[in-house]
Amino acid sequence: MFYELRTYTAMPGKLPNVVARFRDFTSEAFNRHGYRIVGFWTNHIGGSNQELIYMLAWESYEERISCFASFRSDPERTKFFAESEKDGPIVASVHNVMLEPTDFSPLK
């Protein structure tokens, strides 16, 4: 297994919109497309107050590529994302890091 840590930085004042999109559509769509969701977070202390952070678990890089391709080609996703951005973009940037557990990590 390896883990992907993704950080979405919202456009100013748009974090509630980003969180709503993940809550109301993306998390369930991820499940339908085979993603393994570890969790979703916003910063409580430290970091930016405009970030949504989440982690995914993958068995292989090929699995990741396949799941993302399936998700991106989902017509429902295209429609929902367009609606969520009808008043302009809500995401300023996305940063992702691929993490490999150490041999002593409790999470493998």
C-alpha atoms as a PDB file:
ATOM      1  CA  MET A   1       0.000   0.000   0.000  1.00  0.00           C
ATOM      2  CA  PHE A   2       0.958   3.594  -0.437  1.00  0.00           C
ATOM      3  CA  TYR A   3      -0.887   6.710   0.577  1.00  0.00           C
ATOM      4  CA  GLU A   4      -1.679   9.906  -1.249  1.00  0.00           C
ATOM      5  CA  LEU A   5      -1.992  13.092   0.735  1.00  0.00           C
ATOM      6  CA  ARG A   6      -3.856  15.785  -1.212  1.00  0.00           C
ATOM      7  CA  THR A   7      -4.281  19.397  -0.174  1.00  0.00           C
ATOM      8  CA  TYR A   8      -6.854  21.599  -1.878  1.00  0.00           C
ATOM      9  CA  THR A   9      -6.377  25.319  -1.346  1.00  0.00           C
ATOM     10  CA  ALA A  10      -9.662  27.116  -1.870  1.00  0.00           C
ATOM     11  CA  MET A  11     -10.113  30.435  -3.582  1.00  0.00           C
ATOM     12  CA  PRO A  12     -10.475  33.172  -0.936  1.00  0.00           C
ATOM     13  CA  GLY A  13     -13.689  32.618   1.015  1.00  0.00           C
ATOM     14  CA  LYS A  14     -14.570  29.448  -0.922  1.00  0.00           C
ATOM     15  CA  LEU A  15     -13.496  26.723   1.522  1.00  0.00           C
ATOM     16  CA  PRO A  16     -17.145  26.035   2.502  1.00  0.00           C
ATOM     17  CA  ASN A  17     -17.875  25.422  -1.206  1.00  0.00           C
ATOM     18  CA  VAL A  18     -14.951  23.003  -1.544  1.00  0.00           C
ATOM     19  CA  VAL A  19     -15.982  21.139   1.612  1.00  0.00           C
ATOM     20  CA  ALA A  20     -19.595  20.977   0.385  1.00  0.00           C
ATOM     21  CA  ARG A  21     -18.503  19.547  -2.968  1.00  0.00           C
ATOM     22  CA  PHE A  22     -16.536  16.790  -1.234  1.00  0.00           C
ATOM     23  CA  ARG A  23     -19.312  16.139   1.294  1.00  0.00           C
ATOM     24  CA  ASP A  24     -22.224  16.223  -1.169  1.00  0.00           C
ATOM     25  CA  PHE A  25     -20.660  14.464  -4.155  1.00  0.00           C
ATOM     26  CA  THR A  26     -16.965  13.664  -4.352  1.00  0.00           C
ATOM     27  CA  SER A  27     -16.605  11.349  -1.351  1.00  0.00           C
ATOM     28  CA  GLU A  28     -19.430   9.072  -2.528  1.00  0.00           C
ATOM     29  CA  ALA A  29     -18.216   9.235  -6.137  1.00  0.00           C
ATOM     30  CA  PHE A  30     -14.748   8.227  -4.940  1.00  0.00           C
ATOM     31  CA  ASN A  31     -16.298   5.163  -3.289  1.00  0.00           C
ATOM     32  CA  ARG A  32     -18.173   4.254  -6.496  1.00  0.00           C
ATOM     33  CA  HIS A  33     -14.949   4.503  -8.510  1.00  0.00           C
ATOM     34  CA  GLY A  34     -12.903   2.291  -6.186  1.00  0.00           C
ATOM     35  CA  TYR A  35     -11.009   4.832  -4.108  1.00  0.00           C
ATOM     36  CA  ARG A  36     -10.009   3.941  -0.539  1.00  0.00           C
ATOM     37  CA  ILE A  37     -10.612   7.062   1.522  1.00  0.00           C
ATOM     38  CA  VAL A  38      -8.541   7.313   4.712  1.00  0.00           C
ATOM     39  CA  GLY A  39      -9.987  10.652   5.833  1.00  0.00           C
ATOM     40  CA  PHE A  40     -10.751  14.316   5.207  1.00  0.00           C
ATOM     41  CA  TRP A  41      -9.548  17.246   7.328  1.00  0.00           C
ATOM     42  CA  THR A  42      -9.471  21.008   7.575  1.00  0.00           C
ATOM     43  CA  ASN A  43      -6.831  22.817   9.594  1.00  0.00           C
ATOM     44  CA  HIS A  44      -7.742  23.489  13.205  1.00  0.00           C
ATOM     45  CA  ILE A  45      -4.442  24.941  14.408  1.00  0.00           C
ATOM     46  CA  GLY A  46      -1.629  25.849  12.044  1.00  0.00           C
ATOM     47  CA  GLY A  47      -1.633  25.785   8.287  1.00  0.00           C
ATOM     48  CA  SER A  48      -4.006  27.754   6.126  1.00  0.00           C
ATOM     49  CA  ASN A  49      -7.673  28.197   6.980  1.00  0.00           C
ATOM     50  CA  GLN A  50      -8.425  27.792   3.259  1.00  0.00           C
ATOM     51  CA  GLU A  51      -7.339  24.142   2.936  1.00  0.00           C
ATOM     52  CA  LEU A  52      -9.144  20.830   2.672  1.00  0.00           C
ATOM     53  CA  ILE A  53      -6.734  17.938   3.187  1.00  0.00           C
ATOM     54  CA  TYR A  54      -7.495  14.311   2.495  1.00  0.00           C
ATOM     55  CA  MET A  55      -5.716  10.999   2.261  1.00  0.00           C
ATOM     56  CA  LEU A  56      -6.292   8.049  -0.053  1.00  0.00           C
ATOM     57  CA  ALA A  57      -4.843   4.519   0.120  1.00  0.00           C
ATOM     58  CA  TRP A  58      -3.722   2.662  -3.001  1.00  0.00           C
ATOM     59  CA  GLU A  59      -2.506  -0.868  -3.653  1.00  0.00           C
ATOM     60  CA  SER A  60      -0.599   0.249  -6.753  1.00  0.00           C
ATOM     61  CA  TYR A  61       0.074   3.242  -8.947  1.00  0.00           C
ATOM     62  CA  GLU A  62      -1.863   1.490 -11.736  1.00  0.00           C
ATOM     63  CA  GLU A  63      -4.918   1.291  -9.470  1.00  0.00           C
ATOM     64  CA  ARG A  64      -4.632   5.016  -8.786  1.00  0.00           C
ATOM     65  CA  ILE A  65      -4.419   5.845 -12.499  1.00  0.00           C
ATOM     66  CA  SER A  66      -7.434   3.645 -13.266  1.00  0.00           C
ATOM     67  CA  CYS A  67      -9.600   5.101 -10.477  1.00  0.00           C
ATOM     68  CA  PHE A  68      -8.758   8.700 -11.372  1.00  0.00           C
ATOM     69  CA  ALA A  69      -9.485   8.046 -15.070  1.00  0.00           C
ATOM     70  CA  SER A  70     -12.841   6.513 -14.190  1.00  0.00           C
ATOM     71  CA  PHE A  71     -13.726   9.398 -11.876  1.00  0.00           C
ATOM     72  CA  ARG A  72     -12.680  12.090 -14.354  1.00  0.00           C
ATOM     73  CA  SER A  73     -14.754  10.540 -17.155  1.00  0.00           C
ATOM     74  CA  ASP A  74     -17.899  10.296 -14.996  1.00  0.00           C
ATOM     75  CA  PRO A  75     -20.562  12.529 -16.622  1.00  0.00           C
ATOM     76  CA  GLU A  76     -22.190  13.080 -13.227  1.00  0.00           C
ATOM     77  CA  ARG A  77     -18.870  14.474 -11.929  1.00  0.00           C
ATOM     78  CA  THR A  78     -18.603  16.856 -14.873  1.00  0.00           C
ATOM     79  CA  LYS A  79     -22.136  18.131 -14.250  1.00  0.00           C
ATOM     80  CA  PHE A  80     -21.704  18.470 -10.463  1.00  0.00           C
ATOM     81  CA  PHE A  81     -18.339  20.227 -10.752  1.00  0.00           C
ATOM     82  CA  ALA A  82     -19.701  22.679 -13.342  1.00  0.00           C
ATOM     83  CA  GLU A  83     -22.641  23.497 -11.065  1.00  0.00           C
ATOM     84  CA  SER A  84     -20.346  23.962  -8.064  1.00  0.00           C
ATOM     85  CA  GLU A  85     -18.317  26.491 -10.053  1.00  0.00           C
ATOM     86  CA  LYS A  86     -21.177  28.402 -11.673  1.00  0.00           C
ATOM     87  CA  ASP A  87     -20.086  31.552  -9.791  1.00  0.00           C
ATOM     88  CA  GLY A  88     -16.400  31.015 -10.571  1.00  0.00           C
ATOM     89  CA  PRO A  89     -13.606  28.658  -9.548  1.00  0.00           C
ATOM     90  CA  ILE A  90     -13.578  27.389  -5.968  1.00  0.00           C
ATOM     91  CA  VAL A  91     -10.152  25.692  -5.973  1.00  0.00           C
ATOM     92  CA  ALA A  92      -6.993  27.781  -6.281  1.00  0.00           C
ATOM     93  CA  SER A  93      -4.520  24.873  -6.244  1.00  0.00           C
ATOM     94  CA  VAL A  94      -4.082  21.184  -5.526  1.00  0.00           C
ATOM     95  CA  HIS A  95      -0.931  19.701  -4.050  1.00  0.00           C
ATOM     96  CA  ASN A  96      -0.401  15.982  -3.691  1.00  0.00           C
ATOM     97  CA  VAL A  97       2.285  13.826  -2.127  1.00  0.00           C
ATOM     98  CA  MET A  98       2.681  10.060  -2.468  1.00  0.00           C
ATOM     99  CA  LEU A  99       3.699   8.484   0.845  1.00  0.00           C
ATOM    100  CA  GLU A 100       5.219   5.052   1.430  1.00  0.00           C
ATOM    101  CA  PRO A 101       4.961   3.649   4.971  1.00  0.00           C
ATOM    102  CA  THR A 102       8.179   2.916   6.800  1.00  0.00           C
ATOM    103  CA  ASP A 103       8.809  -0.604   8.073  1.00  0.00           C
ATOM    104  CA  PHE A 104       7.873   0.512  11.611  1.00  0.00           C
ATOM    105  CA  SER A 105       4.713   2.436  10.701  1.00  0.00           C
ATOM    106  CA  PRO A 106       1.506   1.180  12.381  1.00  0.00           C
ATOM    107  CA  LEU A 107      -0.347   2.105   9.158  1.00  0.00           C
ATOM    108  CA  LYS A 108       0.953  -0.121   6.381  1.00  0.00           C
END
